[in-house]
Amino acid sequence: MYYVYILKLSNNTYYTGVTDNLARRVKYHNKGNVPYTRKFRPVELEGYIAFKSKTKALEFERYLKSGSGVAFRNKRLI
């Protein structure tokens, strides 16, 4: 499975990513191993969506990072 996840950062912004191991990835973020989120720790898993296809997960992540995807995320997912 591939997971598109949304993290809430310590500065009250959100980070969206994709992984095949959700628990490990959240730990990486909290340990400071991800440069973008390092200075905004601790991070909190806000939600995730599972996909069987890596391609579909990457497409959905790309959508959530677009303008209409951010609006969708804010209205429907968080």
Protein backbone atom coordinates (compact mmCIF):
# COMPACT_ATOMS: atom_id res chain seq x y z
CA MET A 1 0.00 0.00 0.00
CA TYR A 2 1.00 3.60 -0.61
CA TYR A 3 -0.13 6.36 1.71
CA VAL A 4 -0.74 10.03 1.02
CA TYR A 5 -0.40 11.67 4.40
CA ILE A 6 -1.00 15.09 5.88
CA LEU A 7 1.09 16.32 8.78
CA LYS A 8 0.31 19.28 10.98
CA LEU A 9 3.53 21.11 11.76
CA SER A 10 4.36 22.98 14.96
CA ASN A 11 3.79 26.32 13.18
CA ASN A 12 0.18 25.26 12.38
CA THR A 13 0.84 24.68 8.68
CA TYR A 14 0.44 21.41 6.81
CA TYR A 15 2.81 19.13 4.93
CA THR A 16 1.63 16.54 2.40
CA GLY A 17 3.71 13.56 1.36
CA VAL A 18 3.55 9.99 0.09
CA THR A 19 5.18 6.82 1.46
CA ASP A 20 4.87 3.06 1.54
CA ASN A 21 5.57 2.89 5.29
CA LEU A 22 3.55 5.47 7.17
CA ALA A 23 4.77 4.80 10.72
CA ARG A 24 8.43 4.92 9.69
CA ARG A 25 7.93 8.12 7.68
CA VAL A 26 6.25 9.99 10.55
CA LYS A 27 9.13 8.94 12.82
CA TYR A 28 11.62 10.27 10.24
CA HIS A 29 9.82 13.61 10.23
CA ASN A 30 9.84 13.81 14.04
CA LYS A 31 13.52 12.84 14.28
CA GLY A 32 14.46 15.70 11.94
CA ASN A 33 15.53 13.48 9.04
CA VAL A 34 13.34 15.37 6.54
CA PRO A 35 14.90 18.77 5.75
CA TYR A 36 11.63 20.58 4.97
CA THR A 37 9.93 19.71 8.27
CA ARG A 38 13.04 19.65 10.50
CA LYS A 39 12.52 23.14 11.94
CA PHE A 40 8.78 22.61 12.52
CA ARG A 41 8.91 19.65 14.89
CA PRO A 42 7.09 17.99 16.46
CA VAL A 43 4.79 17.00 13.62
CA GLU A 44 1.41 15.36 14.12
CA LEU A 45 -0.26 12.98 11.67
CA GLU A 46 -3.49 14.72 10.70
CA GLY A 47 -4.75 12.06 8.29
CA TYR A 48 -3.89 9.70 5.46
CA ILE A 49 -5.42 7.93 2.48
CA ALA A 50 -4.24 4.49 1.31
CA PHE A 51 -3.83 3.51 -2.34
CA LYS A 52 -2.93 0.18 -3.93
CA SER A 53 -1.21 1.95 -6.81
CA LYS A 54 1.90 4.08 -6.38
CA THR A 55 0.91 6.07 -9.46
CA LYS A 56 -2.51 6.93 -8.01
CA ALA A 57 -0.93 7.94 -4.70
CA LEU A 58 1.53 10.26 -6.44
CA GLU A 59 -1.26 11.77 -8.55
CA PHE A 60 -3.38 12.45 -5.46
CA GLU A 61 -0.41 13.97 -3.61
CA ARG A 62 0.22 16.27 -6.57
CA TYR A 63 -3.47 17.27 -6.57
CA LEU A 64 -3.45 18.03 -2.82
CA LYS A 65 -0.51 20.37 -3.37
CA SER A 66 -2.38 22.33 -6.06
CA GLY A 67 -4.57 25.33 -5.31
CA SER A 68 -7.85 23.43 -5.62
CA GLY A 69 -6.34 20.49 -3.75
CA VAL A 70 -5.43 22.70 -0.79
CA ALA A 71 -9.03 23.98 -0.72
CA PHE A 72 -10.29 20.36 -0.86
CA ARG A 73 -7.91 19.35 1.95
CA ASN A 74 -9.00 22.21 4.15
CA LYS A 75 -12.71 21.62 3.58
CA ARG A 76 -12.91 17.82 3.49
CA LEU A 77 -9.84 16.23 5.06
CA ILE A 78 -8.77 18.30 8.05
